[in-house]
Amino acid sequence: MPTALAFVTWAYALARTDAGRLGVTTYLVPPLTILTGWLLLGETPVTTALVGGAICLVGVALSRRRPRVAAVEEVG
């Protein structure tokens, strides 16, 4: 049942946005599961796991950013 719910939710969201933009949201799953486990189950995350996860997310953010475009001055 949870898998079916996930696929239905994914299909619903995919019908309303493009796949590239929706695919980026999958990077939110690990932090949300850590937070949920911490709040609901009392599982304290290990510091090295949090640091490793943060490094991974920063790496993804850096690889996905768009390069800055220099402003072109008009001569006139």
PDB file of N, CA and C in Angstrom:
ATOM      1  N   MET A   1       0.798  -1.200   0.000  1.00  0.00           N
ATOM      2  CA  MET A   1       0.000   0.000   0.000  1.00  0.00           C
ATOM      3  C   MET A   1       0.850   1.279   0.000  1.00  0.00           C
ATOM      4  N   PRO A   2       1.917   1.368   0.812  1.00  0.00           N
ATOM      5  CA  PRO A   2       2.727   2.590   0.770  1.00  0.00           C
ATOM      6  C   PRO A   2       3.356   2.836  -0.607  1.00  0.00           C
ATOM      7  N   THR A   3       3.774   1.779  -1.285  1.00  0.00           N
ATOM      8  CA  THR A   3       4.362   1.943  -2.617  1.00  0.00           C
ATOM      9  C   THR A   3       3.321   2.441  -3.607  1.00  0.00           C
ATOM     10  N   ALA A   4       2.127   1.904  -3.535  1.00  0.00           N
ATOM     11  CA  ALA A   4       1.062   2.354  -4.426  1.00  0.00           C
ATOM     12  C   ALA A   4       0.732   3.820  -4.173  1.00  0.00           C
ATOM     13  N   LEU A   5       0.684   4.207  -2.920  1.00  0.00           N
ATOM     14  CA  LEU A   5       0.424   5.602  -2.577  1.00  0.00           C
ATOM     15  C   LEU A   5       1.530   6.515  -3.117  1.00  0.00           C
ATOM     16  N   ALA A   6       2.772   6.069  -3.012  1.00  0.00           N
ATOM     17  CA  ALA A   6       3.892   6.864  -3.521  1.00  0.00           C
ATOM     18  C   ALA A   6       3.800   7.022  -5.040  1.00  0.00           C
ATOM     19  N   PHE A   7       3.479   5.958  -5.764  1.00  0.00           N
ATOM     20  CA  PHE A   7       3.368   6.050  -7.218  1.00  0.00           C
ATOM     21  C   PHE A   7       2.206   6.937  -7.645  1.00  0.00           C
ATOM     22  N   VAL A   8       1.091   6.856  -6.954  1.00  0.00           N
ATOM     23  CA  VAL A   8      -0.058   7.700  -7.284  1.00  0.00           C
ATOM     24  C   VAL A   8       0.279   9.167  -7.018  1.00  0.00           C
ATOM     25  N   THR A   9       0.923   9.435  -5.903  1.00  0.00           N
ATOM     26  CA  THR A   9       1.323  10.803  -5.575  1.00  0.00           C
ATOM     27  C   THR A   9       2.313  11.340  -6.602  1.00  0.00           C
ATOM     28  N   TRP A  10       3.280  10.500  -6.995  1.00  0.00           N
ATOM     29  CA  TRP A  10       4.270  10.891  -7.994  1.00  0.00           C
ATOM     30  C   TRP A  10       3.584  11.191  -9.336  1.00  0.00           C
ATOM     31  N   ALA A  11       2.667  10.358  -9.760  1.00  0.00           N
ATOM     32  CA  ALA A  11       1.957  10.565 -11.025  1.00  0.00           C
ATOM     33  C   ALA A  11       1.126  11.844 -10.974  1.00  0.00           C
ATOM     34  N   TYR A  12       0.492  12.100  -9.854  1.00  0.00           N
ATOM     35  CA  TYR A  12      -0.303  13.322  -9.687  1.00  0.00           C
ATOM     36  C   TYR A  12       0.586  14.560  -9.825  1.00  0.00           C
ATOM     37  N   ALA A  13       1.722  14.544  -9.140  1.00  0.00           N
ATOM     38  CA  ALA A  13       2.636  15.689  -9.198  1.00  0.00           C
ATOM     39  C   ALA A  13       3.264  15.818 -10.584  1.00  0.00           C
ATOM     40  N   LEU A  14       3.585  14.703 -11.222  1.00  0.00           N
ATOM     41  CA  LEU A  14       4.204  14.720 -12.545  1.00  0.00           C
ATOM     42  C   LEU A  14       3.258  15.279 -13.600  1.00  0.00           C
ATOM     43  N   ALA A  15       1.973  15.113 -13.403  1.00  0.00           N
ATOM     44  CA  ALA A  15       0.992  15.665 -14.338  1.00  0.00           C
ATOM     45  C   ALA A  15       0.911  17.183 -14.227  1.00  0.00           C
ATOM     46  N   ARG A  16       1.425  17.742 -13.133  1.00  0.00           N
ATOM     47  CA  ARG A  16       1.311  19.172 -12.899  1.00  0.00           C
ATOM     48  C   ARG A  16       2.621  19.947 -13.020  1.00  0.00           C
ATOM     49  N   THR A  17       3.742  19.264 -13.203  1.00  0.00           N
ATOM     50  CA  THR A  17       5.035  19.922 -13.372  1.00  0.00           C
ATOM     51  C   THR A  17       5.928  19.058 -14.247  1.00  0.00           C
ATOM     52  N   ASP A  18       7.072  19.577 -14.658  1.00  0.00           N
ATOM     53  CA  ASP A  18       7.967  18.784 -15.511  1.00  0.00           C
ATOM     54  C   ASP A  18       8.829  17.843 -14.673  1.00  0.00           C
ATOM     55  N   ALA A  19       9.325  16.807 -15.314  1.00  0.00           N
ATOM     56  CA  ALA A  19      10.047  15.747 -14.606  1.00  0.00           C
ATOM     57  C   ALA A  19      11.352  16.243 -13.996  1.00  0.00           C
ATOM     58  N   GLY A  20      12.041  17.145 -14.660  1.00  0.00           N
ATOM     59  CA  GLY A  20      13.300  17.662 -14.131  1.00  0.00           C
ATOM     60  C   GLY A  20      13.122  18.387 -12.816  1.00  0.00           C
ATOM     61  N   ARG A  21      12.126  19.225 -12.762  1.00  0.00           N
ATOM     62  CA  ARG A  21      11.858  19.975 -11.534  1.00  0.00           C
ATOM     63  C   ARG A  21      11.371  19.042 -10.423  1.00  0.00           C
ATOM     64  N   LEU A  22      10.559  18.080 -10.767  1.00  0.00           N
ATOM     65  CA  LEU A  22      10.033  17.153  -9.771  1.00  0.00           C
ATOM     66  C   LEU A  22      11.117  16.197  -9.277  1.00  0.00           C
ATOM     67  N   GLY A  23      12.039  15.841 -10.160  1.00  0.00           N
ATOM     68  CA  GLY A  23      13.117  14.930  -9.775  1.00  0.00           C
ATOM     69  C   GLY A  23      13.996  15.496  -8.675  1.00  0.00           C
ATOM     70  N   VAL A  24      14.169  16.802  -8.659  1.00  0.00           N
ATOM     71  CA  VAL A  24      14.991  17.439  -7.638  1.00  0.00           C
ATOM     72  C   VAL A  24      14.388  17.243  -6.250  1.00  0.00           C
ATOM     73  N   THR A  25      13.077  17.106  -6.172  1.00  0.00           N
ATOM     74  CA  THR A  25      12.435  16.935  -4.870  1.00  0.00           C
ATOM     75  C   THR A  25      12.814  15.624  -4.194  1.00  0.00           C
ATOM     76  N   THR A  26      13.332  14.666  -4.964  1.00  0.00           N
ATOM     77  CA  THR A  26      13.737  13.394  -4.345  1.00  0.00           C
ATOM     78  C   THR A  26      14.916  13.575  -3.395  1.00  0.00           C
ATOM     79  N   TYR A  27      15.651  14.695  -3.535  1.00  0.00           N
ATOM     80  CA  TYR A  27      16.747  14.964  -2.607  1.00  0.00           C
ATOM     81  C   TYR A  27      16.241  15.366  -1.230  1.00  0.00           C
ATOM     82  N   LEU A  28      14.967  15.652  -1.103  1.00  0.00           N
ATOM     83  CA  LEU A  28      14.398  15.996   0.199  1.00  0.00           C
ATOM     84  C   LEU A  28      14.044  14.764   1.029  1.00  0.00           C
ATOM     85  N   VAL A  29      13.983  13.613   0.403  1.00  0.00           N
ATOM     86  CA  VAL A  29      13.555  12.400   1.104  1.00  0.00           C
ATOM     87  C   VAL A  29      14.488  12.034   2.261  1.00  0.00           C
ATOM     88  N   PRO A  30      15.816  11.940   2.077  1.00  0.00           N
ATOM     89  CA  PRO A  30      16.668  11.569   3.218  1.00  0.00           C
ATOM     90  C   PRO A  30      16.581  12.520   4.406  1.00  0.00           C
ATOM     91  N   PRO A  31      16.654  13.854   4.203  1.00  0.00           N
ATOM     92  CA  PRO A  31      16.526  14.715   5.393  1.00  0.00           C
ATOM     93  C   PRO A  31      15.164  14.587   6.081  1.00  0.00           C
ATOM     94  N   LEU A  32      14.109  14.411   5.303  1.00  0.00           N
ATOM     95  CA  LEU A  32      12.787  14.259   5.910  1.00  0.00           C
ATOM     96  C   LEU A  32      12.662  12.954   6.690  1.00  0.00           C
ATOM     97  N   THR A  33      13.254  11.881   6.185  1.00  0.00           N
ATOM     98  CA  THR A  33      13.180  10.618   6.932  1.00  0.00           C
ATOM     99  C   THR A  33      14.006  10.673   8.207  1.00  0.00           C
ATOM    100  N   ILE A  34      15.146  11.358   8.166  1.00  0.00           N
ATOM    101  CA  ILE A  34      15.945  11.518   9.389  1.00  0.00           C
ATOM    102  C   ILE A  34      15.167  12.329  10.414  1.00  0.00           C
ATOM    103  N   LEU A  35      14.565  13.415   9.961  1.00  0.00           N
ATOM    104  CA  LEU A  35      13.782  14.257  10.871  1.00  0.00           C
ATOM    105  C   LEU A  35      12.578  13.513  11.437  1.00  0.00           C
ATOM    106  N   THR A  36      11.890  12.751  10.597  1.00  0.00           N
ATOM    107  CA  THR A  36      10.739  11.976  11.053  1.00  0.00           C
ATOM    108  C   THR A  36      11.157  10.907  12.063  1.00  0.00           C
ATOM    109  N   GLY A  37      12.240  10.209  11.771  1.00  0.00           N
ATOM    110  CA  GLY A  37      12.733   9.200  12.714  1.00  0.00           C
ATOM    111  C   GLY A  37      13.137   9.801  14.044  1.00  0.00           C
ATOM    112  N   TRP A  38      13.701  10.987  13.980  1.00  0.00           N
ATOM    113  CA  TRP A  38      14.128  11.674  15.190  1.00  0.00           C
ATOM    114  C   TRP A  38      12.916  12.104  16.020  1.00  0.00           C
ATOM    115  N   LEU A  39      11.918  12.685  15.357  1.00  0.00           N
ATOM    116  CA  LEU A  39      10.756  13.198  16.087  1.00  0.00           C
ATOM    117  C   LEU A  39       9.789  12.107  16.535  1.00  0.00           C
ATOM    118  N   LEU A  40       9.511  11.146  15.657  1.00  0.00           N
ATOM    119  CA  LEU A  40       8.492  10.143  15.970  1.00  0.00           C
ATOM    120  C   LEU A  40       9.040   8.910  16.679  1.00  0.00           C
ATOM    121  N   LEU A  41      10.264   8.519  16.358  1.00  0.00           N
ATOM    122  CA  LEU A  41      10.807   7.277  16.903  1.00  0.00           C
ATOM    123  C   LEU A  41      11.899   7.492  17.944  1.00  0.00           C
ATOM    124  N   GLY A  42      12.330   8.741  18.094  1.00  0.00           N
ATOM    125  CA  GLY A  42      13.381   9.013  19.067  1.00  0.00           C
ATOM    126  C   GLY A  42      14.751   8.545  18.632  1.00  0.00           C
ATOM    127  N   GLU A  43      14.952   8.320  17.346  1.00  0.00           N
ATOM    128  CA  GLU A  43      16.253   7.891  16.832  1.00  0.00           C
ATOM    129  C   GLU A  43      17.150   9.117  16.676  1.00  0.00           C
ATOM    130  N   THR A  44      18.211   9.154  17.457  1.00  0.00           N
ATOM    131  CA  THR A  44      19.126  10.289  17.380  1.00  0.00           C
ATOM    132  C   THR A  44      20.135  10.032  16.269  1.00  0.00           C
ATOM    133  N   PRO A  45      20.177  10.932  15.278  1.00  0.00           N
ATOM    134  CA  PRO A  45      21.131  10.735  14.185  1.00  0.00           C
ATOM    135  C   PRO A  45      22.569  10.956  14.660  1.00  0.00           C
ATOM    136  N   VAL A  46      23.476  10.176  14.112  1.00  0.00           N
ATOM    137  CA  VAL A  46      24.892  10.291  14.444  1.00  0.00           C
ATOM    138  C   VAL A  46      25.445  11.543  13.761  1.00  0.00           C
ATOM    139  N   THR A  47      26.319  12.244  14.433  1.00  0.00           N
ATOM    140  CA  THR A  47      26.874  13.496  13.906  1.00  0.00           C
ATOM    141  C   THR A  47      27.557  13.296  12.566  1.00  0.00           C
ATOM    142  N   THR A  48      28.312  12.231  12.426  1.00  0.00           N
ATOM    143  CA  THR A  48      29.007  11.996  11.147  1.00  0.00           C
ATOM    144  C   THR A  48      28.019  11.743  10.011  1.00  0.00           C
ATOM    145  N   ALA A  49      26.889  11.146  10.311  1.00  0.00           N
ATOM    146  CA  ALA A  49      25.867  10.931   9.291  1.00  0.00           C
ATOM    147  C   ALA A  49      25.256  12.256   8.857  1.00  0.00           C
ATOM    148  N   LEU A  50      25.015  13.146   9.799  1.00  0.00           N
ATOM    149  CA  LEU A  50      24.478  14.462   9.472  1.00  0.00           C
ATOM    150  C   LEU A  50      25.471  15.272   8.643  1.00  0.00           C
ATOM    151  N   VAL A  51      26.750  15.223   9.018  1.00  0.00           N
ATOM    152  CA  VAL A  51      27.777  15.947   8.268  1.00  0.00           C
ATOM    153  C   VAL A  51      27.905  15.364   6.862  1.00  0.00           C
ATOM    154  N   GLY A  52      27.910  14.052   6.743  1.00  0.00           N
ATOM    155  CA  GLY A  52      27.985  13.413   5.430  1.00  0.00           C
ATOM    156  C   GLY A  52      26.796  13.745   4.549  1.00  0.00           C
ATOM    157  N   GLY A  53      25.618  13.744   5.133  1.00  0.00           N
ATOM    158  CA  GLY A  53      24.421  14.111   4.382  1.00  0.00           C
ATOM    159  C   GLY A  53      24.456  15.554   3.925  1.00  0.00           C
ATOM    160  N   ALA A  54      24.933  16.438   4.801  1.00  0.00           N
ATOM    161  CA  ALA A  54      25.042  17.856   4.431  1.00  0.00           C
ATOM    162  C   ALA A  54      26.039  18.043   3.300  1.00  0.00           C
ATOM    163  N   ILE A  55      27.147  17.327   3.336  1.00  0.00           N
ATOM    164  CA  ILE A  55      28.141  17.414   2.257  1.00  0.00           C
ATOM    165  C   ILE A  55      27.525  16.949   0.942  1.00  0.00           C
ATOM    166  N   CYS A  56      26.765  15.874   0.986  1.00  0.00           N
ATOM    167  CA  CYS A  56      26.106  15.375  -0.228  1.00  0.00           C
ATOM    168  C   CYS A  56      25.122  16.384  -0.791  1.00  0.00           C
ATOM    169  N   LEU A  57      24.308  16.975   0.069  1.00  0.00           N
ATOM    170  CA  LEU A  57      23.325  17.956  -0.390  1.00  0.00           C
ATOM    171  C   LEU A  57      23.984  19.219  -0.932  1.00  0.00           C
ATOM    172  N   VAL A  58      25.083  19.650  -0.316  1.00  0.00           N
ATOM    173  CA  VAL A  58      25.813  20.810  -0.834  1.00  0.00           C
ATOM    174  C   VAL A  58      26.414  20.482  -2.197  1.00  0.00           C
ATOM    175  N   GLY A  59      26.925  19.263  -2.349  1.00  0.00           N
ATOM    176  CA  GLY A  59      27.464  18.847  -3.644  1.00  0.00           C
ATOM    177  C   GLY A  59      26.399  18.847  -4.730  1.00  0.00           C
ATOM    178  N   VAL A  60      25.223  18.372  -4.415  1.00  0.00           N
ATOM    179  CA  VAL A  60      24.124  18.386  -5.384  1.00  0.00           C
ATOM    180  C   VAL A  60      23.742  19.820  -5.723  1.00  0.00           C
ATOM    181  N   ALA A  61      23.651  20.673  -4.710  1.00  0.00           N
ATOM    182  CA  ALA A  61      23.294  22.072  -4.957  1.00  0.00           C
ATOM    183  C   ALA A  61      24.324  22.751  -5.848  1.00  0.00           C
ATOM    184  N   LEU A  62      25.600  22.489  -5.607  1.00  0.00           N
ATOM    185  CA  LEU A  62      26.644  23.085  -6.439  1.00  0.00           C
ATOM    186  C   LEU A  62      26.598  22.578  -7.873  1.00  0.00           C
ATOM    187  N   SER A  63      26.308  21.308  -8.031  1.00  0.00           N
ATOM    188  CA  SER A  63      26.275  20.750  -9.386  1.00  0.00           C
ATOM    189  C   SER A  63      25.041  21.176 -10.164  1.00  0.00           C
ATOM    190  N   ARG A  64      23.987  21.557  -9.477  1.00  0.00           N
ATOM    191  CA  ARG A  64      22.735  21.938 -10.135  1.00  0.00           C
ATOM    192  C   ARG A  64      22.595  23.440 -10.379  1.00  0.00           C
ATOM    193  N   ARG A  65      23.489  24.240  -9.806  1.00  0.00           N
ATOM    194  CA  ARG A  65      23.332  25.686  -9.956  1.00  0.00           C
ATOM    195  C   ARG A  65      23.686  26.120 -11.369  1.00  0.00           C
ATOM    196  N   ARG A  66      23.089  27.204 -11.753  1.00  0.00           N
ATOM    197  CA  ARG A  66      23.334  27.760 -13.083  1.00  0.00           C
ATOM    198  C   ARG A  66      24.470  28.768 -12.992  1.00  0.00           C
ATOM    199  N   PRO A  67      25.307  28.795 -14.001  1.00  0.00           N
ATOM    200  CA  PRO A  67      26.404  29.782 -13.964  1.00  0.00           C
ATOM    201  C   PRO A  67      25.852  31.200 -14.108  1.00  0.00           C
ATOM    202  N   ARG A  68      26.537  32.126 -13.486  1.00  0.00           N
ATOM    203  CA  ARG A  68      26.120  33.518 -13.577  1.00  0.00           C
ATOM    204  C   ARG A  68      26.413  34.038 -14.990  1.00  0.00           C
ATOM    205  N   VAL A  69      25.484  34.789 -15.495  1.00  0.00           N
ATOM    206  CA  VAL A  69      25.650  35.378 -16.815  1.00  0.00           C
ATOM    207  C   VAL A  69      26.070  36.823 -16.625  1.00  0.00           C
ATOM    208  N   ALA A  70      27.193  37.183 -17.230  1.00  0.00           N
ATOM    209  CA  ALA A  70      27.693  38.545 -17.092  1.00  0.00           C
ATOM    210  C   ALA A  70      26.787  39.507 -17.850  1.00  0.00           C
ATOM    211  N   ALA A  71      26.533  40.639 -17.265  1.00  0.00           N
ATOM    212  CA  ALA A  71      25.700  41.646 -17.915  1.00  0.00           C
ATOM    213  C   ALA A  71      26.470  42.249 -19.086  1.00  0.00           C
ATOM    214  N   VAL A  72      25.793  42.398 -20.202  1.00  0.00           N
ATOM    215  CA  VAL A  72      26.404  42.966 -21.391  1.00  0.00           C
ATOM    216  C   VAL A  72      26.036  44.441 -21.453  1.00  0.00           C
ATOM    217  N   GLU A  73      27.057  45.287 -21.514  1.00  0.00           N
ATOM    218  CA  GLU A  73      26.804  46.721 -21.589  1.00  0.00           C
ATOM    219  C   GLU A  73      26.655  47.141 -23.034  1.00  0.00           C
ATOM    220  N   GLU A  74      25.650  47.953 -23.282  1.00  0.00           N
ATOM    221  CA  GLU A  74      25.427  48.457 -24.626  1.00  0.00           C
ATOM    222  C   GLU A  74      26.223  49.734 -24.822  1.00  0.00           C
ATOM    223  N   VAL A  75      26.895  49.800 -25.932  1.00  0.00           N
ATOM    224  CA  VAL A  75      27.645  51.003 -26.277  1.00  0.00           C
ATOM    225  C   VAL A  75      26.764  51.820 -27.208  1.00  0.00           C
ATOM    226  N   GLY A  76      26.525  53.036 -26.839  1.00  0.00           N
ATOM    227  CA  GLY A  76      25.627  53.704 -27.736  1.00  0.00           C
ATOM    228  C   GLY A  76      25.569  55.121 -27.614  1.00  0.00           C
TER     229      GLY A  76
END
